[in-house]
Amino acid sequence: MQAKQFKKTNTLLAWVTFAITGFVYMLTLEPTTSFWDSGQFIAIASKLQVGHPPGAPLYQMMARIFSNFSFGDATMVAFWVNTMSAFFAALSVSFLFRTIVLLSKKLLGVVGEVSVDKAILIFGSAVVGSLAFGFSDSFWFSAVEAEVYTTSMFFTAFVFWSILKWEEVADQPDSLKWLIGIAFAIGLSIGVHMLNLLAIPLS
């Protein structure tokens, strides 16, 4: 399999994992609020109020955008804020797929063209690994309600994938853009949850 074909297959399957998990999350989405922090996050998103410390201003603003899809119907605000969690959870799974592909290539020592056997092994492990994570109990639970964890996980998955992409081109003149992107994503992630700071030692 040529490198160009491998890249196209990688992109296609990444979006397939996004579609599968996103579809299942939407089928199992909470139609209203759960009885813990979710109600608070829905309220602060709807009215742009102040949440509990340390706060999640970026999450709040993004959730406000999603809440606008209710078009003034207060009974639908919770559904749309929950939908944001499902969207970012599915994106997290998609980036986890891409990450597993990159790690598998490193483990197998693949450079340039990839044999069909190795391509099946790489993509198969990435599909199984990402979907196993996507349908794990704790992640799936967070993916269908208004909580910061799946959005935070998206930033973590994106940063870790970006680190691996930067490593591939670290010796090229324009590789600095990846480090700037990583720093920017980590900075934004603090506005969602502090969990993403765990990715700093990796970079």
C-alpha atoms as a PDB file:
ATOM      1  CA  MET A   1       0.000   0.000   0.000  1.00  0.00           C
ATOM      2  CA  GLN A   2       1.471   3.333  -1.051  1.00  0.00           C
ATOM      3  CA  ALA A   3       1.931   6.091   1.511  1.00  0.00           C
ATOM      4  CA  LYS A   4      -0.727   8.259  -0.157  1.00  0.00           C
ATOM      5  CA  GLN A   5      -3.273   5.440  -0.133  1.00  0.00           C
ATOM      6  CA  PHE A   6      -2.398   4.611   3.474  1.00  0.00           C
ATOM      7  CA  LYS A   7      -2.999   8.230   4.460  1.00  0.00           C
ATOM      8  CA  LYS A   8      -6.392   8.301   2.712  1.00  0.00           C
ATOM      9  CA  THR A   9      -7.455   5.036   4.391  1.00  0.00           C
ATOM     10  CA  ASN A  10      -6.290   6.379   7.737  1.00  0.00           C
ATOM     11  CA  THR A  11      -8.367   9.540   7.346  1.00  0.00           C
ATOM     12  CA  LEU A  12     -11.426   7.599   6.148  1.00  0.00           C
ATOM     13  CA  LEU A  13     -11.345   5.112   9.026  1.00  0.00           C
ATOM     14  CA  ALA A  14     -10.780   7.894  11.560  1.00  0.00           C
ATOM     15  CA  TRP A  15     -14.004   9.535  10.388  1.00  0.00           C
ATOM     16  CA  VAL A  16     -15.755   6.147  10.399  1.00  0.00           C
ATOM     17  CA  THR A  17     -14.914   5.720  14.088  1.00  0.00           C
ATOM     18  CA  PHE A  18     -16.189   9.252  14.662  1.00  0.00           C
ATOM     19  CA  ALA A  19     -19.455   8.439  12.883  1.00  0.00           C
ATOM     20  CA  ILE A  20     -19.999   5.114  14.668  1.00  0.00           C
ATOM     21  CA  THR A  21     -19.431   6.442  18.161  1.00  0.00           C
ATOM     22  CA  GLY A  22     -21.222   9.714  17.476  1.00  0.00           C
ATOM     23  CA  PHE A  23     -24.269   7.852  16.174  1.00  0.00           C
ATOM     24  CA  VAL A  24     -24.406   5.546  19.208  1.00  0.00           C
ATOM     25  CA  TYR A  25     -23.883   8.445  21.618  1.00  0.00           C
ATOM     26  CA  MET A  26     -26.762  10.346  20.038  1.00  0.00           C
ATOM     27  CA  LEU A  27     -29.000   7.267  20.289  1.00  0.00           C
ATOM     28  CA  THR A  28     -28.233   6.974  24.011  1.00  0.00           C
ATOM     29  CA  LEU A  29     -28.044  10.705  24.794  1.00  0.00           C
ATOM     30  CA  GLU A  30     -29.590  12.051  28.006  1.00  0.00           C
ATOM     31  CA  PRO A  31     -32.709  13.967  26.914  1.00  0.00           C
ATOM     32  CA  THR A  32     -32.478  16.197  29.983  1.00  0.00           C
ATOM     33  CA  THR A  33     -30.157  16.744  32.933  1.00  0.00           C
ATOM     34  CA  SER A  34     -28.494  14.225  35.226  1.00  0.00           C
ATOM     35  CA  PHE A  35     -28.677  14.770  38.976  1.00  0.00           C
ATOM     36  CA  TRP A  36     -25.190  16.090  39.663  1.00  0.00           C
ATOM     37  CA  ASP A  37     -22.936  18.756  38.060  1.00  0.00           C
ATOM     38  CA  SER A  38     -24.661  18.384  34.679  1.00  0.00           C
ATOM     39  CA  GLY A  39     -27.576  20.595  35.690  1.00  0.00           C
ATOM     40  CA  GLN A  40     -25.192  23.332  36.728  1.00  0.00           C
ATOM     41  CA  PHE A  41     -23.259  23.160  33.468  1.00  0.00           C
ATOM     42  CA  ILE A  42     -26.484  23.343  31.464  1.00  0.00           C
ATOM     43  CA  ALA A  43     -27.682  26.362  33.453  1.00  0.00           C
ATOM     44  CA  ILE A  44     -24.421  28.300  33.191  1.00  0.00           C
ATOM     45  CA  ALA A  45     -24.227  27.541  29.472  1.00  0.00           C
ATOM     46  CA  SER A  46     -27.786  28.682  28.865  1.00  0.00           C
ATOM     47  CA  LYS A  47     -27.443  31.965  30.760  1.00  0.00           C
ATOM     48  CA  LEU A  48     -23.628  32.429  30.736  1.00  0.00           C
ATOM     49  CA  GLN A  49     -23.517  32.383  34.517  1.00  0.00           C
ATOM     50  CA  VAL A  50     -20.669  31.567  36.911  1.00  0.00           C
ATOM     51  CA  GLY A  51     -19.926  27.903  37.673  1.00  0.00           C
ATOM     52  CA  HIS A  52     -18.178  26.343  40.634  1.00  0.00           C
ATOM     53  CA  PRO A  53     -14.429  27.002  41.052  1.00  0.00           C
ATOM     54  CA  PRO A  54     -12.087  26.810  39.272  1.00  0.00           C
ATOM     55  CA  GLY A  55     -14.625  27.268  36.498  1.00  0.00           C
ATOM     56  CA  ALA A  56     -14.694  26.177  32.868  1.00  0.00           C
ATOM     57  CA  PRO A  57     -15.051  29.363  30.783  1.00  0.00           C
ATOM     58  CA  LEU A  58     -14.194  27.853  27.396  1.00  0.00           C
ATOM     59  CA  TYR A  59     -16.533  24.913  27.972  1.00  0.00           C
ATOM     60  CA  GLN A  60     -19.224  27.360  29.044  1.00  0.00           C
ATOM     61  CA  MET A  61     -18.893  29.465  25.890  1.00  0.00           C
ATOM     62  CA  MET A  62     -18.876  26.443  23.573  1.00  0.00           C
ATOM     63  CA  ALA A  63     -21.876  24.954  25.385  1.00  0.00           C
ATOM     64  CA  ARG A  64     -23.635  28.313  24.958  1.00  0.00           C
ATOM     65  CA  ILE A  65     -23.183  27.996  21.182  1.00  0.00           C
ATOM     66  CA  PHE A  66     -24.725  24.516  21.236  1.00  0.00           C
ATOM     67  CA  SER A  67     -27.580  25.691  23.484  1.00  0.00           C
ATOM     68  CA  ASN A  68     -28.541  28.224  20.793  1.00  0.00           C
ATOM     69  CA  PHE A  69     -29.678  25.324  18.598  1.00  0.00           C
ATOM     70  CA  SER A  70     -32.689  25.059  20.911  1.00  0.00           C
ATOM     71  CA  PHE A  71     -33.953  28.283  19.237  1.00  0.00           C
ATOM     72  CA  GLY A  72     -35.539  29.591  22.414  1.00  0.00           C
ATOM     73  CA  ASP A  73     -37.147  26.308  23.486  1.00  0.00           C
ATOM     74  CA  ALA A  74     -35.973  25.991  27.104  1.00  0.00           C
ATOM     75  CA  THR A  75     -36.945  22.305  27.186  1.00  0.00           C
ATOM     76  CA  MET A  76     -34.345  21.533  24.504  1.00  0.00           C
ATOM     77  CA  VAL A  77     -31.365  23.365  26.034  1.00  0.00           C
ATOM     78  CA  ALA A  78     -30.229  20.338  28.042  1.00  0.00           C
ATOM     79  CA  PHE A  79     -30.427  18.090  24.975  1.00  0.00           C
ATOM     80  CA  TRP A  80     -28.201  20.371  22.914  1.00  0.00           C
ATOM     81  CA  VAL A  81     -25.612  20.879  25.648  1.00  0.00           C
ATOM     82  CA  ASN A  82     -25.531  17.093  26.064  1.00  0.00           C
ATOM     83  CA  THR A  83     -25.052  16.857  22.302  1.00  0.00           C
ATOM     84  CA  MET A  84     -21.834  18.856  22.631  1.00  0.00           C
ATOM     85  CA  SER A  85     -20.440  16.148  24.919  1.00  0.00           C
ATOM     86  CA  ALA A  86     -21.349  13.482  22.369  1.00  0.00           C
ATOM     87  CA  PHE A  87     -19.683  15.476  19.577  1.00  0.00           C
ATOM     88  CA  PHE A  88     -16.390  15.986  21.414  1.00  0.00           C
ATOM     89  CA  ALA A  89     -16.423  12.406  22.703  1.00  0.00           C
ATOM     90  CA  ALA A  90     -16.687  11.106  19.152  1.00  0.00           C
ATOM     91  CA  LEU A  91     -13.866  13.441  18.092  1.00  0.00           C
ATOM     92  CA  SER A  92     -11.749  12.075  20.959  1.00  0.00           C
ATOM     93  CA  VAL A  93     -12.255   8.536  19.671  1.00  0.00           C
ATOM     94  CA  SER A  94     -11.318   9.677  16.168  1.00  0.00           C
ATOM     95  CA  PHE A  95      -8.042  11.204  17.375  1.00  0.00           C
ATOM     96  CA  LEU A  96      -7.331   8.140  19.502  1.00  0.00           C
ATOM     97  CA  PHE A  97      -7.637   6.069  16.319  1.00  0.00           C
ATOM     98  CA  ARG A  98      -5.085   8.320  14.592  1.00  0.00           C
ATOM     99  CA  THR A  99      -2.786   8.099  17.615  1.00  0.00           C
ATOM    100  CA  ILE A 100      -2.878   4.296  17.680  1.00  0.00           C
ATOM    101  CA  VAL A 101      -2.048   4.246  13.961  1.00  0.00           C
ATOM    102  CA  LEU A 102       1.036   6.409  14.536  1.00  0.00           C
ATOM    103  CA  LEU A 103       2.176   4.344  17.528  1.00  0.00           C
ATOM    104  CA  SER A 104       1.597   1.075  15.638  1.00  0.00           C
ATOM    105  CA  LYS A 105       3.698   2.332  12.725  1.00  0.00           C
ATOM    106  CA  LYS A 106       6.518   3.151  15.143  1.00  0.00           C
ATOM    107  CA  LEU A 107       6.293  -0.264  16.819  1.00  0.00           C
ATOM    108  CA  LEU A 108       6.378  -2.060  13.478  1.00  0.00           C
ATOM    109  CA  GLY A 109       9.107   0.182  12.112  1.00  0.00           C
ATOM    110  CA  VAL A 110       7.029   1.167   9.087  1.00  0.00           C
ATOM    111  CA  VAL A 111       8.537   3.862   6.857  1.00  0.00           C
ATOM    112  CA  GLY A 112       7.182   4.805   3.422  1.00  0.00           C
ATOM    113  CA  GLU A 113       5.131   2.081   1.751  1.00  0.00           C
ATOM    114  CA  VAL A 114       3.174  -0.309   3.975  1.00  0.00           C
ATOM    115  CA  SER A 115       2.515  -3.949   3.144  1.00  0.00           C
ATOM    116  CA  VAL A 116      -1.123  -5.041   3.096  1.00  0.00           C
ATOM    117  CA  ASP A 117      -0.570  -7.379   6.071  1.00  0.00           C
ATOM    118  CA  LYS A 118       0.897  -4.594   8.190  1.00  0.00           C
ATOM    119  CA  ALA A 119      -1.783  -2.130   7.073  1.00  0.00           C
ATOM    120  CA  ILE A 120      -4.503  -4.550   8.212  1.00  0.00           C
ATOM    121  CA  LEU A 121      -2.675  -5.024  11.522  1.00  0.00           C
ATOM    122  CA  ILE A 122      -2.260  -1.276  12.065  1.00  0.00           C
ATOM    123  CA  PHE A 123      -5.791  -0.263  11.121  1.00  0.00           C
ATOM    124  CA  GLY A 124      -7.350  -3.271  12.849  1.00  0.00           C
ATOM    125  CA  SER A 125      -5.629  -2.502  16.139  1.00  0.00           C
ATOM    126  CA  ALA A 126      -6.565   1.184  15.842  1.00  0.00           C
ATOM    127  CA  VAL A 127     -10.250   0.416  15.192  1.00  0.00           C
ATOM    128  CA  VAL A 128     -10.464  -2.095  18.044  1.00  0.00           C
ATOM    129  CA  GLY A 129      -8.517   0.102  20.472  1.00  0.00           C
ATOM    130  CA  SER A 130     -10.396   3.331  19.762  1.00  0.00           C
ATOM    131  CA  LEU A 131     -13.856   1.736  19.784  1.00  0.00           C
ATOM    132  CA  ALA A 132     -13.057  -0.222  22.952  1.00  0.00           C
ATOM    133  CA  PHE A 133     -12.211   3.082  24.614  1.00  0.00           C
ATOM    134  CA  GLY A 134     -15.233   4.844  23.104  1.00  0.00           C
ATOM    135  CA  PHE A 135     -17.632   2.248  24.487  1.00  0.00           C
ATOM    136  CA  SER A 136     -15.947   1.835  27.860  1.00  0.00           C
ATOM    137  CA  ASP A 137     -18.354   2.453  30.728  1.00  0.00           C
ATOM    138  CA  SER A 138     -16.900   5.628  32.235  1.00  0.00           C
ATOM    139  CA  PHE A 139     -16.221   7.379  28.909  1.00  0.00           C
ATOM    140  CA  TRP A 140     -19.585   6.462  27.372  1.00  0.00           C
ATOM    141  CA  PHE A 141     -21.328   7.664  30.532  1.00  0.00           C
ATOM    142  CA  SER A 142     -19.655  11.077  30.243  1.00  0.00           C
ATOM    143  CA  ALA A 143     -20.290  11.241  26.495  1.00  0.00           C
ATOM    144  CA  VAL A 144     -24.057  11.411  26.828  1.00  0.00           C
ATOM    145  CA  GLU A 145     -24.446  14.121  29.465  1.00  0.00           C
ATOM    146  CA  ALA A 146     -23.348  17.710  30.065  1.00  0.00           C
ATOM    147  CA  GLU A 147     -19.911  17.289  31.629  1.00  0.00           C
ATOM    148  CA  VAL A 148     -16.451  18.717  30.983  1.00  0.00           C
ATOM    149  CA  TYR A 149     -14.649  15.381  30.841  1.00  0.00           C
ATOM    150  CA  THR A 150     -15.219  14.398  27.217  1.00  0.00           C
ATOM    151  CA  THR A 151     -14.341  17.879  25.980  1.00  0.00           C
ATOM    152  CA  SER A 152     -11.200  17.756  28.116  1.00  0.00           C
ATOM    153  CA  MET A 153     -10.436  14.296  26.744  1.00  0.00           C
ATOM    154  CA  PHE A 154     -10.706  15.708  23.217  1.00  0.00           C
ATOM    155  CA  PHE A 155      -8.015  18.275  23.987  1.00  0.00           C
ATOM    156  CA  THR A 156      -5.829  15.575  25.552  1.00  0.00           C
ATOM    157  CA  ALA A 157      -6.277  13.281  22.539  1.00  0.00           C
ATOM    158  CA  PHE A 158      -5.571  16.150  20.144  1.00  0.00           C
ATOM    159  CA  VAL A 159      -2.442  17.251  22.020  1.00  0.00           C
ATOM    160  CA  PHE A 160      -1.037  13.719  22.222  1.00  0.00           C
ATOM    161  CA  TRP A 161      -1.695  13.149  18.507  1.00  0.00           C
ATOM    162  CA  SER A 162      -0.052  16.503  17.726  1.00  0.00           C
ATOM    163  CA  ILE A 163       3.028  15.484  19.731  1.00  0.00           C
ATOM    164  CA  LEU A 164       3.404  12.358  17.605  1.00  0.00           C
ATOM    165  CA  LYS A 165       2.879  14.344  14.401  1.00  0.00           C
ATOM    166  CA  TRP A 166       5.504  16.859  15.491  1.00  0.00           C
ATOM    167  CA  GLU A 167       7.940  14.034  16.214  1.00  0.00           C
ATOM    168  CA  GLU A 168       7.589  12.855  12.615  1.00  0.00           C
ATOM    169  CA  VAL A 169       8.657  16.233  11.207  1.00  0.00           C
ATOM    170  CA  ALA A 170      10.805  17.552  14.074  1.00  0.00           C
ATOM    171  CA  ASP A 171      13.867  17.919  11.821  1.00  0.00           C
ATOM    172  CA  GLN A 172      12.017  19.965   9.188  1.00  0.00           C
ATOM    173  CA  PRO A 173      12.199  23.801   9.081  1.00  0.00           C
ATOM    174  CA  ASP A 174       8.463  24.358   9.661  1.00  0.00           C
ATOM    175  CA  SER A 175       8.089  21.854  12.526  1.00  0.00           C
ATOM    176  CA  LEU A 176       7.780  24.692  15.035  1.00  0.00           C
ATOM    177  CA  LYS A 177       4.140  25.194  14.002  1.00  0.00           C
ATOM    178  CA  TRP A 178       3.272  21.907  15.697  1.00  0.00           C
ATOM    179  CA  LEU A 179       4.808  23.048  18.998  1.00  0.00           C
ATOM    180  CA  ILE A 180       2.923  26.337  18.785  1.00  0.00           C
ATOM    181  CA  GLY A 181      -0.301  24.429  18.091  1.00  0.00           C
ATOM    182  CA  ILE A 182       0.349  22.119  21.047  1.00  0.00           C
ATOM    183  CA  ALA A 183       0.978  25.062  23.386  1.00  0.00           C
ATOM    184  CA  PHE A 184      -2.155  26.826  22.106  1.00  0.00           C
ATOM    185  CA  ALA A 185      -4.324  23.716  22.589  1.00  0.00           C
ATOM    186  CA  ILE A 186      -3.006  23.181  26.125  1.00  0.00           C
ATOM    187  CA  GLY A 187      -3.717  26.828  26.923  1.00  0.00           C
ATOM    188  CA  LEU A 188      -7.277  26.529  25.635  1.00  0.00           C
ATOM    189  CA  SER A 189      -7.829  23.251  27.481  1.00  0.00           C
ATOM    190  CA  ILE A 190      -7.337  24.939  30.859  1.00  0.00           C
ATOM    191  CA  GLY A 191     -10.609  26.726  30.135  1.00  0.00           C
ATOM    192  CA  VAL A 192     -12.310  23.323  30.145  1.00  0.00           C
ATOM    193  CA  HIS A 193     -10.533  21.241  32.801  1.00  0.00           C
ATOM    194  CA  MET A 194      -7.062  20.991  34.357  1.00  0.00           C
ATOM    195  CA  LEU A 195      -6.766  17.347  33.298  1.00  0.00           C
ATOM    196  CA  ASN A 196      -5.064  18.264  30.023  1.00  0.00           C
ATOM    197  CA  LEU A 197      -2.007  19.561  31.908  1.00  0.00           C
ATOM    198  CA  LEU A 198      -1.001  15.914  32.242  1.00  0.00           C
ATOM    199  CA  ALA A 199      -0.034  16.025  28.567  1.00  0.00           C
ATOM    200  CA  ILE A 200       2.696  18.628  29.180  1.00  0.00           C
ATOM    201  CA  PRO A 201       5.396  16.137  30.280  1.00  0.00           C
ATOM    202  CA  LEU A 202       4.849  14.247  26.988  1.00  0.00           C
ATOM    203  CA  SER A 203       5.601  17.329  24.923  1.00  0.00           C
END
